[in-house]
Protein backbone atom coordinates (compact mmCIF):
# COMPACT_ATOMS: atom_id res chain seq x y z
CA MET A 1 13.21 -15.16 -18.86
CA PRO A 2 11.18 -15.17 -15.40
CA ARG A 3 12.77 -13.51 -12.84
CA ARG A 4 12.14 -14.76 -9.23
CA ASN A 5 12.24 -13.09 -6.26
CA PRO A 6 13.57 -15.00 -3.44
CA PRO A 7 10.57 -15.24 -0.72
CA VAL A 8 11.92 -13.00 1.96
CA VAL A 9 12.77 -10.15 -0.78
CA LEU A 10 8.90 -11.06 -1.76
CA ALA A 11 7.75 -10.88 1.70
CA ALA A 12 9.55 -7.59 2.40
CA ALA A 13 7.78 -6.20 -0.79
CA LEU A 14 4.37 -6.96 0.39
CA THR A 15 4.91 -5.92 3.98
CA ALA A 16 6.38 -2.63 3.46
CA SER A 17 6.21 -1.44 -0.09
CA ALA A 18 2.61 -2.57 -1.39
CA VAL A 19 1.43 1.17 -0.73
CA ALA A 20 2.50 1.66 -4.35
CA LEU A 21 -0.12 -0.35 -5.68
CA GLY A 22 -2.48 -0.95 -3.50
CA GLY A 23 -4.71 1.05 -5.51
CA CYS A 24 -6.16 4.77 -6.24
CA ASP A 25 -9.14 5.19 -4.23
CA GLY A 26 -9.60 8.79 -2.81
CA GLY A 27 -6.90 11.72 -3.27
CA ALA A 28 -6.59 15.47 -3.39
CA THR A 29 -5.95 18.49 -5.21
CA SER A 30 -3.42 21.33 -4.28
CA SER A 31 -4.51 24.90 -5.93
CA THR A 32 -2.60 28.08 -6.90
CA THR A 33 -3.46 30.73 -9.58
CA THR A 34 -0.33 31.90 -10.93
CA PRO A 35 -0.12 31.60 -14.64
CA LEU A 36 0.48 28.68 -16.29
CA VAL A 37 3.91 27.69 -17.74
CA ASP A 38 4.29 26.08 -21.11
CA HIS A 39 6.63 22.93 -21.49
CA GLY A 40 8.31 23.79 -18.44
CA THR A 41 10.53 21.33 -16.01
CA VAL A 42 9.08 19.59 -12.85
CA ARG A 43 11.36 18.51 -10.21
CA ILE A 44 10.18 16.30 -7.94
CA ALA A 45 12.00 14.89 -4.91
CA GLU A 46 11.60 10.87 -3.29
CA SER A 47 12.92 9.60 -0.38
CA SER A 48 14.59 6.27 -2.00
CA GLU A 49 16.20 5.35 -5.30
CA THR A 50 14.49 3.10 -7.50
CA PRO A 51 16.84 0.70 -9.07
CA SER A 52 13.91 -0.96 -11.58
CA PHE A 53 11.26 0.65 -13.46
CA ASP A 54 9.85 -2.46 -14.09
CA PRO A 55 6.00 -1.31 -13.49
CA TYR A 56 5.73 -5.19 -12.16
CA SER A 57 8.49 -5.14 -9.68
CA ALA A 58 8.63 -4.04 -5.89
CA PHE A 59 10.47 -1.01 -6.98
CA GLY A 60 9.22 -0.02 -10.14
CA ALA A 61 5.40 0.05 -9.32
CA SER A 62 5.62 3.53 -7.58
CA HIS A 63 6.46 4.89 -11.07
CA ALA A 64 4.36 3.31 -13.34
CA ARG A 65 1.75 6.23 -13.59
CA TYR A 66 4.22 8.30 -15.63
CA ALA A 67 4.96 5.65 -18.45
CA TYR A 68 1.81 2.94 -18.00
CA ASP A 69 -1.70 3.06 -18.18
CA ALA A 70 -4.00 0.80 -16.80
CA LEU A 71 -7.68 -0.46 -18.07
CA VAL A 72 -9.50 2.05 -15.44
CA ASN A 73 -8.93 4.72 -13.49
CA LEU A 74 -10.13 6.00 -10.45
CA ALA A 75 -11.00 9.43 -10.03
CA PRO A 76 -10.38 11.67 -6.65
CA ASP A 77 -13.82 10.70 -4.88
CA GLY A 78 -13.36 6.75 -5.57
CA THR A 79 -15.32 6.48 -8.67
CA LEU A 80 -14.53 4.44 -11.88
CA VAL A 81 -12.99 7.08 -14.63
CA THR A 82 -12.14 5.84 -18.31
CA GLY A 83 -8.72 4.56 -19.08
CA LEU A 84 -7.25 2.31 -21.96
CA ALA A 85 -10.95 0.73 -21.61
CA SER A 86 -13.78 3.30 -22.30
CA SER A 87 -16.39 1.06 -21.12
CA TRP A 88 -16.51 -1.69 -18.63
CA GLN A 89 -18.88 -4.63 -17.07
CA ALA A 90 -17.60 -6.92 -14.44
CA THR A 91 -19.47 -9.88 -11.73
CA ALA A 92 -17.45 -11.07 -8.70
CA THR A 93 -16.48 -14.13 -11.39
CA ALA A 94 -15.81 -12.56 -14.39
CA ALA A 95 -14.88 -8.76 -15.85
CA ALA A 96 -14.46 -7.26 -19.59
CA PHE A 97 -13.30 -4.28 -20.64
CA THR A 98 -13.57 -2.28 -24.37
CA LEU A 99 -10.31 -0.63 -25.27
CA ARG A 100 -10.68 2.90 -26.63
CA PRO A 101 -9.59 3.20 -30.51
CA GLY A 102 -6.07 5.08 -31.70
CA ILE A 103 -4.31 3.96 -28.62
CA THR A 104 -0.75 3.33 -29.06
CA CYS A 105 2.71 2.41 -27.56
CA SER A 106 5.81 4.45 -26.36
CA ASP A 107 7.28 2.42 -29.62
CA GLY A 108 4.16 4.13 -31.38
CA THR A 109 3.02 0.31 -32.22
CA PRO A 110 -1.22 0.35 -31.92
CA LEU A 111 -2.33 -1.38 -28.63
CA THR A 112 -4.90 -4.23 -29.24
CA ALA A 113 -6.94 -5.95 -26.56
CA SER A 114 -5.08 -9.38 -27.18
CA ALA A 115 -1.32 -7.15 -26.36
CA ALA A 116 -3.58 -6.11 -22.95
CA ALA A 117 -4.71 -9.59 -22.46
CA ARG A 118 -1.09 -10.78 -22.79
CA ALA A 119 0.34 -8.22 -20.31
CA LEU A 120 -2.29 -9.49 -17.87
CA SER A 121 -1.45 -13.26 -18.32
CA TYR A 122 2.03 -12.33 -17.97
CA ALA A 123 2.02 -10.30 -14.64
CA GLY A 124 -0.73 -12.57 -13.25
CA ASP A 125 1.35 -15.81 -13.99
CA PRO A 126 2.53 -17.42 -10.49
CA ALA A 127 6.08 -18.59 -11.87
CA HIS A 128 7.30 -15.36 -12.64
CA GLN A 129 6.87 -13.94 -8.83
CA LEU A 130 6.61 -10.37 -10.12
CA ALA A 131 6.11 -8.65 -6.31
CA GLY A 132 5.03 -5.17 -7.76
CA ALA A 133 1.90 -7.16 -10.02
CA ARG A 134 0.98 -9.16 -6.88
CA THR A 135 0.33 -6.13 -4.79
CA VAL A 136 -2.29 -5.55 -7.11
CA LEU A 137 -3.53 -8.66 -8.95
CA PRO A 138 -6.71 -10.22 -7.60
CA ASN A 139 -5.33 -13.24 -5.17
CA VAL A 140 -7.26 -15.60 -6.88
CA PRO A 141 -6.33 -17.68 -10.11
CA PHE A 142 -7.78 -15.69 -13.47
CA THR A 143 -7.42 -16.29 -17.22
CA ALA A 144 -7.56 -13.23 -19.88
CA SER A 145 -8.67 -13.42 -23.20
CA ALA A 146 -9.24 -10.94 -26.22
CA ASP A 147 -11.26 -10.54 -29.07
CA ASP A 148 -9.29 -7.75 -31.39
CA ALA A 149 -12.67 -6.98 -33.65
CA THR A 150 -14.13 -5.60 -30.99
CA GLY A 151 -11.46 -4.45 -28.93
CA THR A 152 -12.65 -6.60 -26.12
CA VAL A 153 -10.15 -7.76 -22.92
CA SER A 154 -12.03 -10.43 -21.07
CA VAL A 155 -11.18 -11.86 -17.74
CA THR A 156 -12.49 -14.65 -15.90
CA ALA A 157 -11.92 -15.69 -12.35
CA ALA A 158 -11.19 -19.10 -10.57
CA ALA A 159 -13.47 -18.34 -8.12
CA PRO A 160 -15.12 -15.22 -6.99
CA PHE A 161 -13.95 -12.16 -6.20
CA PRO A 162 -15.53 -9.20 -6.31
CA PHE A 163 -13.03 -6.26 -6.89
CA LEU A 164 -11.89 -7.15 -10.44
CA THR A 165 -12.11 -3.97 -11.58
CA ARG A 166 -9.95 -2.58 -8.83
CA THR A 167 -7.44 -4.53 -9.42
CA ILE A 168 -6.91 -6.02 -12.71
CA GLY A 169 -8.73 -3.16 -14.17
CA LEU A 170 -6.19 -0.82 -12.28
CA LEU A 171 -2.70 -2.76 -13.62
CA PRO A 172 -0.20 -0.77 -15.72
CA ILE A 173 -0.32 -2.64 -19.23
CA VAL A 174 2.97 -3.25 -20.47
CA CYS A 175 3.79 -2.93 -24.20
CA PRO A 176 4.82 -6.53 -26.14
CA ALA A 177 8.11 -4.90 -26.82
CA GLY A 178 8.48 -5.04 -23.21
CA LEU A 179 7.06 -8.65 -22.09
CA ASP A 180 9.20 -9.39 -25.39
CA ARG A 181 12.36 -8.66 -23.77
CA PRO A 182 11.21 -8.04 -19.50
CA ARG A 183 14.62 -7.70 -18.83
CA ALA A 184 15.09 -4.11 -20.46
CA LEU A 185 12.13 -2.99 -18.22
CA ASP A 186 14.65 -2.07 -15.51
CA ARG A 187 16.22 0.74 -16.95
CA ALA A 188 13.48 1.53 -20.05
CA THR A 189 10.10 1.86 -20.21
CA GLN A 190 7.56 0.32 -22.73
CA GLY A 191 4.15 1.85 -22.06
CA THR A 192 0.95 4.14 -23.26
CA GLY A 193 1.37 6.47 -20.78
CA PRO A 194 1.84 10.04 -20.99
CA TYR A 195 5.44 10.37 -20.21
CA VAL A 196 9.01 8.09 -21.45
CA LEU A 197 11.46 7.18 -19.58
CA THR A 198 14.41 9.00 -21.13
CA ARG A 199 17.21 8.71 -18.69
CA TYR A 200 18.23 6.79 -16.01
CA THR A 201 21.46 7.50 -13.71
CA PRO A 202 21.77 5.15 -10.69
CA GLY A 203 20.61 6.62 -7.34
CA GLY A 204 18.75 9.09 -9.99
CA PRO A 205 18.12 11.80 -11.17
CA TYR A 206 15.51 10.04 -12.72
CA GLU A 207 13.91 11.99 -16.54
CA PHE A 208 10.56 11.54 -17.91
CA THR A 209 9.90 12.94 -21.54
CA VAL A 210 6.46 13.72 -22.38
CA ARG A 211 4.71 12.01 -25.24
CA GLU A 212 2.83 14.01 -28.04
CA GLY A 213 -0.48 12.85 -29.37
CA TYR A 214 -1.67 11.27 -26.08
CA SER A 215 -5.33 11.42 -24.91
CA TRP A 216 -6.69 8.64 -22.93
CA GLY A 217 -5.53 9.34 -19.96
CA PRO A 218 -7.74 9.24 -16.79
CA ALA A 219 -11.29 10.62 -18.30
CA GLY A 220 -9.93 11.36 -21.18
CA ALA A 221 -7.17 13.36 -20.29
CA THR A 222 -4.60 14.18 -22.80
CA THR A 223 -0.98 15.93 -23.31
CA ALA A 224 -2.10 18.94 -24.94
CA VAL A 225 -2.72 21.26 -22.16
CA PRO A 226 -1.80 24.29 -21.11
CA GLY A 227 0.90 24.08 -18.22
CA LEU A 228 1.43 19.99 -18.75
CA PRO A 229 5.50 19.71 -17.78
CA ALA A 230 7.54 18.60 -21.19
CA ARG A 231 9.66 17.08 -18.88
CA ILE A 232 9.45 15.54 -15.29
CA VAL A 233 12.88 14.82 -12.96
CA ILE A 234 13.23 13.10 -10.59
CA SER A 235 15.78 13.16 -7.97
CA VAL A 236 16.51 11.30 -4.76
CA VAL A 237 16.15 12.68 -1.14
CA PRO A 238 16.47 10.76 1.75
CA GLN A 239 16.47 13.87 4.60
CA ALA A 240 12.86 15.06 5.39
CA SER A 241 14.93 18.46 6.36
CA THR A 242 16.94 18.94 3.19
CA VAL A 243 13.70 18.35 0.92
CA ALA A 244 11.84 21.14 3.14
CA ASN A 245 14.61 23.32 2.14
CA LEU A 246 14.46 22.46 -1.28
CA LEU A 247 10.78 23.32 -1.24
CA LEU A 248 11.17 26.13 0.97
CA THR A 249 13.78 27.93 -1.57
CA GLY A 250 12.34 26.48 -5.38
CA GLY A 251 14.90 23.65 -5.64
CA VAL A 252 12.10 20.99 -5.93
CA ASP A 253 8.50 21.65 -7.30
CA ILE A 254 6.97 18.71 -5.98
CA ALA A 255 7.69 16.28 -2.71
CA SER A 256 5.90 14.29 0.33
CA VAL A 257 6.78 15.27 3.65
CA SER A 258 5.84 13.71 7.01
CA GLY A 259 6.43 13.99 10.14
CA PRO A 260 7.68 17.38 12.63
CA GLU A 261 9.27 19.23 9.15
CA ARG A 262 5.55 19.31 8.19
CA ALA A 263 5.35 22.44 10.63
CA ARG A 264 7.92 24.33 8.56
CA LEU A 265 6.24 23.81 6.00
CA THR A 266 2.55 25.78 6.81
CA GLY A 267 1.80 29.08 5.53
CA ARG A 268 4.66 28.94 2.83
CA GLY A 269 2.58 29.63 0.28
CA LEU A 270 3.01 26.29 -1.41
CA ALA A 271 0.21 24.09 -2.67
CA THR A 272 -0.45 21.07 -0.64
CA THR A 273 -2.33 18.12 -0.33
CA ASP A 274 -3.00 15.95 3.20
CA VAL A 275 -2.70 12.02 2.38
CA ALA A 276 -4.47 9.76 5.19
CA THR A 277 -2.15 7.45 6.72
CA VAL A 278 -1.98 4.27 8.97
CA ILE A 279 0.77 4.11 10.86
CA GLY A 280 2.04 0.83 12.62
CA LEU A 281 0.42 -2.61 12.20
CA THR A 282 0.60 -4.54 15.49
CA PHE A 283 0.65 -8.73 14.80
CA PHE A 284 0.68 -11.44 17.71
CA ASN A 285 2.12 -14.89 16.75
CA GLN A 286 -0.83 -17.38 17.45
CA ARG A 287 1.50 -20.59 16.55
CA PRO A 288 0.72 -23.51 18.68
CA GLY A 289 3.25 -23.62 21.94
CA ARG A 290 3.51 -19.48 21.59
CA ALA A 291 1.60 -17.61 24.79
CA LEU A 292 -0.39 -15.57 22.45
CA ALA A 293 -2.19 -18.34 20.75
CA ASP A 294 -4.35 -17.82 23.89
CA PRO A 295 -6.80 -15.36 22.68
CA ALA A 296 -7.60 -14.49 26.22
CA LEU A 297 -4.00 -13.22 26.55
CA ARG A 298 -3.87 -11.42 23.45
CA ARG A 299 -7.19 -9.54 24.75
CA ALA A 300 -5.90 -8.60 27.89
CA LEU A 301 -2.77 -7.57 26.64
CA VAL A 302 -4.36 -5.42 24.04
CA SER A 303 -6.66 -4.13 26.72
CA ALA A 304 -3.97 -2.40 29.01
CA LEU A 305 -2.26 -0.68 26.11
CA ASP A 306 -2.85 3.17 26.47
CA ARG A 307 -3.77 3.70 22.65
CA GLN A 308 -3.88 7.29 22.40
CA GLY A 309 -0.30 7.32 24.55
CA LEU A 310 0.77 5.27 21.07
CA ALA A 311 -0.66 7.25 18.56
CA ASN A 312 0.66 10.34 20.15
CA VAL A 313 4.28 8.75 19.90
CA ALA A 314 3.66 7.04 16.63
CA ALA A 315 2.47 10.33 15.11
CA GLY A 316 4.75 12.54 16.81
CA GLY A 317 2.32 14.28 19.52
CA THR A 318 -0.13 14.89 17.29
CA GLY A 319 -1.76 10.96 16.49
CA SER A 320 -5.37 9.52 17.16
CA PRO A 321 -6.31 6.05 17.83
CA ALA A 322 -6.58 4.07 14.25
CA THR A 323 -10.10 3.14 13.46
CA ASP A 324 -9.65 1.02 10.55
CA PHE A 325 -6.75 -1.62 9.08
CA GLY A 326 -6.59 0.82 6.15
CA ALA A 327 -6.42 4.35 5.71
CA VAL A 328 -9.42 6.96 5.80
CA GLY A 329 -10.50 6.66 2.22
CA ALA A 330 -9.73 3.38 1.66
CA VAL A 331 -12.50 0.70 -0.13
CA CYS A 332 -14.92 0.13 3.28
CA HIS A 333 -13.06 2.12 5.36
CA ALA A 334 -15.50 2.28 8.30
CA ASP A 335 -14.80 3.16 12.41
CA LEU A 336 -14.09 -0.21 13.98
CA ALA A 337 -12.06 0.19 16.31
CA ASP A 338 -13.67 1.60 19.61
CA ALA A 339 -16.59 -0.60 19.13
CA ASN A 340 -14.93 -4.01 18.86
CA LEU A 341 -11.23 -4.13 20.68
CA PRO A 342 -11.28 -5.64 23.60
CA ALA A 343 -11.97 -2.94 26.92
CA GLN A 344 -11.58 -4.99 30.20
CA ASP A 345 -9.17 -4.50 33.38
CA ALA A 346 -6.13 -6.25 32.11
CA ALA A 347 -5.31 -7.30 35.60
CA GLU A 348 -8.87 -8.92 36.38
CA ALA A 349 -8.57 -10.59 32.85
CA LEU A 350 -5.19 -12.37 33.09
CA HIS A 351 -6.40 -13.90 36.77
CA ALA A 352 -9.49 -15.20 35.37
CA ALA A 353 -7.69 -16.48 32.77
CA GLY A 354 -5.21 -18.43 35.01
CA TRP A 355 -2.32 -15.78 35.09
CA THR A 356 -0.96 -15.15 38.34
CA ARG A 357 2.07 -12.92 40.09
CA SER A 358 4.08 -13.61 43.06
CA ALA A 359 4.93 -10.32 44.68
CA HIS A 360 8.57 -10.13 43.22
CA GLY A 361 8.06 -12.32 40.12
CA PRO A 362 6.70 -12.12 36.61
CA LEU A 363 3.20 -13.52 35.39
CA ALA A 364 3.08 -17.26 35.40
CA LYS A 365 0.29 -19.73 34.74
CA ASP A 366 0.97 -23.17 35.16
CA GLY A 367 4.35 -23.02 36.23
CA ARG A 368 5.43 -21.01 33.31
CA PRO A 369 6.39 -17.26 33.04
CA LEU A 370 4.91 -14.64 30.32
CA ARG A 371 7.67 -13.49 28.38
CA LEU A 372 7.49 -11.89 25.10
CA ARG A 373 9.71 -11.19 22.04
CA LEU A 374 8.62 -7.81 20.80
CA ILE A 375 10.48 -7.22 17.22
CA THR A 376 10.64 -3.90 15.27
CA SER A 377 12.43 -2.23 12.91
CA SER A 378 13.14 1.34 12.58
CA ASP A 379 13.38 0.80 8.48
CA LEU A 380 9.88 0.22 8.37
CA GLY A 381 9.27 3.81 10.08
CA PRO A 382 10.80 6.32 12.06
CA THR A 383 8.97 5.85 14.94
CA LEU A 384 7.70 2.48 15.42
CA ALA A 385 11.21 1.67 17.54
CA SER A 386 9.11 3.78 20.30
CA VAL A 387 5.32 2.81 19.85
CA ALA A 388 7.01 -0.79 20.10
CA GLU A 389 8.86 0.36 23.11
CA LEU A 390 5.93 2.47 25.04
CA MET A 391 3.77 -0.88 24.53
CA ALA A 392 7.05 -2.77 26.34
CA ARG A 393 6.77 -0.70 29.09
CA GLU A 394 2.71 -1.18 29.52
CA TRP A 395 2.98 -4.95 29.75
CA THR A 396 6.25 -4.94 31.75
CA ALA A 397 4.06 -3.08 34.09
CA LEU A 398 1.27 -5.73 33.91
CA GLY A 399 3.74 -8.36 35.07
CA ALA A 400 5.48 -9.63 31.68
CA GLU A 401 8.88 -10.11 30.99
CA VAL A 402 9.69 -8.39 27.47
CA GLU A 403 12.89 -8.67 25.31
CA LEU A 404 12.38 -5.77 22.89
CA VAL A 405 14.62 -5.80 20.08
CA THR A 406 14.69 -3.35 17.04
CA GLU A 407 16.06 -5.52 13.74
CA SER A 408 17.02 -4.46 10.42
CA LEU A 409 14.39 -4.97 7.93
CA PRO A 410 16.11 -8.23 6.31
CA ALA A 411 16.05 -9.01 10.15
CA LEU A 412 12.79 -8.44 10.84
CA VAL A 413 11.53 -10.18 7.79
CA ASN A 414 13.24 -13.11 8.63
CA ALA A 415 11.63 -13.26 12.19
CA MET A 416 8.18 -13.12 10.59
CA TYR A 417 8.35 -15.10 7.71
CA ARG A 418 11.32 -17.96 8.05
CA SER A 419 13.03 -18.50 12.28
CA ALA A 420 8.81 -17.07 13.10
CA ASP A 421 10.84 -16.35 16.30
CA PHE A 422 8.53 -13.70 17.89
CA ASP A 423 5.49 -13.04 20.00
CA VAL A 424 4.47 -9.66 18.85
CA VAL A 425 5.58 -7.48 15.95
CA VAL A 426 5.37 -3.90 15.52
CA GLY A 427 5.53 -3.24 11.80
CA SER A 428 4.09 -1.15 9.11
CA THR A 429 0.77 -1.83 7.53
CA PRO A 430 0.64 -2.96 3.85
CA GLY A 431 -1.45 0.22 3.55
CA PHE A 432 -4.19 -1.49 0.91
CA ALA A 433 -7.16 0.09 -0.58
CA LEU A 434 -9.14 -2.52 -1.21
CA PRO A 435 -10.08 -5.13 1.91
CA VAL A 436 -8.95 -7.88 -0.19
CA GLY A 437 -5.83 -7.47 0.16
CA PHE A 438 -5.23 -7.67 3.86
CA ILE A 439 -6.85 -11.28 3.34
CA PRO A 440 -3.81 -13.66 3.21
CA PHE A 441 -2.36 -11.62 6.24
CA PHE A 442 -5.22 -13.21 8.08
CA SER A 443 -6.05 -16.08 6.96
CA GLY A 444 -4.65 -19.41 4.91
CA PRO A 445 -1.59 -20.93 5.23
CA THR A 446 1.71 -20.00 7.00
CA PRO A 447 4.62 -19.28 5.30
CA ALA A 448 6.56 -20.64 2.90
CA GLN A 449 3.01 -21.49 1.57
CA GLY A 450 1.44 -18.54 2.35
CA LEU A 451 2.10 -15.07 4.04
CA ASN A 452 0.40 -15.73 7.31
CA PHE A 453 3.33 -15.14 9.12
CA ALA A 454 1.56 -14.57 12.56
CA ALA A 455 -0.35 -17.96 12.29
CA VAL A 456 -4.06 -16.29 12.43
CA ALA A 457 -7.08 -18.21 12.88
CA ASN A 458 -10.33 -16.67 13.22
CA PRO A 459 -13.32 -18.73 11.58
CA GLU A 460 -15.57 -16.08 11.87
CA TYR A 461 -13.47 -13.97 9.65
CA ASP A 462 -13.03 -17.10 7.32
CA ALA A 463 -16.98 -17.24 7.00
CA LEU A 464 -17.08 -13.52 6.44
CA VAL A 465 -14.41 -13.07 3.80
CA ALA A 466 -15.71 -15.94 2.08
CA GLN A 467 -19.45 -14.09 2.15
CA ALA A 468 -17.64 -10.75 1.14
CA LEU A 469 -16.05 -12.39 -2.25
CA ARG A 470 -19.14 -13.32 -3.68
CA GLU A 471 -20.83 -9.91 -3.66
CA THR A 472 -19.64 -7.72 -6.27
CA ASP A 473 -17.87 -4.15 -5.62
CA THR A 474 -18.65 -2.12 -2.72
CA THR A 475 -22.14 -3.99 -2.32
CA GLY A 476 -20.04 -6.25 -0.06
CA CYS A 477 -18.38 -3.13 2.49
CA ASP A 478 -20.84 -4.37 5.35
CA THR A 479 -19.82 -7.78 5.16
CA TRP A 480 -16.21 -6.53 4.97
CA ASN A 481 -16.15 -4.35 7.89
CA ARG A 482 -17.82 -7.20 9.95
CA ALA A 483 -15.22 -9.39 8.89
CA ALA A 484 -12.46 -6.66 10.02
CA ALA A 485 -14.64 -6.42 13.39
CA SER A 486 -13.94 -9.83 14.39
CA LEU A 487 -10.33 -9.78 13.93
CA PHE A 488 -10.27 -6.28 16.34
CA ARG A 489 -12.68 -8.44 18.86
CA SER A 490 -10.05 -11.26 18.88
CA ALA A 491 -7.26 -9.05 19.25
CA ASP A 492 -5.52 -11.08 16.16
CA ALA A 493 -4.05 -7.27 15.11
CA LEU A 494 -4.16 -3.51 15.87
CA PRO A 495 -3.28 -0.69 14.05
CA ILE A 496 -1.86 2.02 15.79
CA ALA A 497 -2.21 5.81 14.43
CA GLU A 498 -4.05 7.67 12.09
CA GLY A 499 -1.38 9.48 10.49
CA ARG A 500 -0.86 12.20 7.80
CA SER A 501 1.84 13.53 5.48
CA SER A 502 1.66 15.74 3.40
CA VAL A 503 2.67 16.78 -0.67
CA TYR A 504 3.58 20.20 -1.29
CA GLY A 505 3.87 21.72 -4.51
CA TYR A 506 6.06 24.61 -5.22
CA ARG A 507 4.70 26.99 -8.33
CA THR A 508 2.91 23.40 -9.31
CA THR A 509 -0.65 21.97 -8.88
CA PHE A 510 -1.62 18.56 -9.22
CA THR A 511 -3.64 16.12 -7.84
CA THR A 512 -2.91 12.93 -5.59
CA THR A 513 -4.00 9.14 -5.74
CA PHE A 514 -4.73 7.56 -3.08
CA GLY A 515 -1.12 7.02 -1.26
CA GLY A 516 -0.02 10.44 -2.57
CA GLN A 517 1.08 9.74 -5.58
CA PRO A 518 0.79 12.90 -8.03
CA VAL A 519 -1.75 11.98 -11.29
CA PRO A 520 0.97 12.36 -13.54
CA THR A 521 -1.57 14.16 -16.29
CA SER A 522 -2.71 16.41 -13.16
CA ILE A 523 0.73 17.91 -13.09
CA ARG A 524 0.56 21.81 -13.71
CA LEU A 525 3.91 23.99 -13.80
CA HIS A 526 2.80 27.80 -12.83
CA GLN A 527 4.68 30.88 -12.90
């Protein structure tokens, strides 16, 4: 039976949880030199529980790598390496993947090309409304077919889409037993991956057990290597201070830590990988009748902001202003902000645009005062409310009347996708590894037909995106970057800060993906 997500839940998933499946470009490797331990248990701490392990749901996406494989994988340097497919080729409208021989599902059945094509078709069917899958797949319709005699899976897109291998190729493939009973995927795994979910407890812990005979991991990785853990146990530990204590005392072996707790872990002998992030993404409501539909006003307000001050608040005093909408290491990432953001005297720009201010009153134009409703949610990040507060102070000093509202995540999503009762949103960035991920947020229909909740209308961006979509893979990066630059120049959105989080290992080594997820076949347990 298809499972339908209410629009507000889907919107929240796409806004706050897209990092999990946003891609795997980039990454880092931890290091330590003590001897390896065979057939041991690695304990991982995570900040939130997982109500579903369905890899196509918003919640199960981040754990899919343990039990499911994709057709291709991305190496730490961003190059494509083998996965279920031993070879592949693609254009802007079609891709073909040739499966390795001998791949089996966790229930022992062979994986055929038809089975892989069925999984792609199921995940891409809009009737199923699978939020996690939608954050990976192309935002254009596609059809999948198979030739079992040659082991070939073919995909044809209904419109040009340059990153077919980095989207369709990275989707976790669910085996037929899982597609036959999709509701069972919440508590059981049916994939070809290196581990199988063997214990689920509401609220955690969750236990994965290694598969014997697995030999088709990234670039041919296998489970028959010294030091690979026989079991992975994931516990839920919400407090960063508790996670830090557990890492220092050996209570957990792998955990991600951000914010001030990182200082406690420096120089303590832990294996470490740093993960690039972008903290905060600001949108301006451009619907007709809203003050910020006026690009001159948006540019003036952005010019008035102390970007370094905002970055310091966002990153706890150590930040630098974001240079792009995606994090360092994302495909086509470039240093765009400084050269393209408005940089003008805000007061003079406002006066030129017709905004005047009496001795004791707010800015006004045609008798209408400048009132801004600025909303955010601490549920999306502990520093975002403080970022919004600094913005409000700077715009108030300029002469605007600012109503600052800190909402719960459901209330914020409701304002963004239903009521549209906001002027400025300080939210979290979706964290996409591909520039195509941002398209529905910066163009196209508004809710409920689309995700363009701020009603961004930038003809230059639209034209450049249309051109970039016809260029295969990274050959179009210059075009994608010109499109992003047009968003900066028009003050359509503003990323706040370059951030860093760290993944720490106690007596473990591992490689991480873009976004900081450990690669399961890379984990090694040490004495």
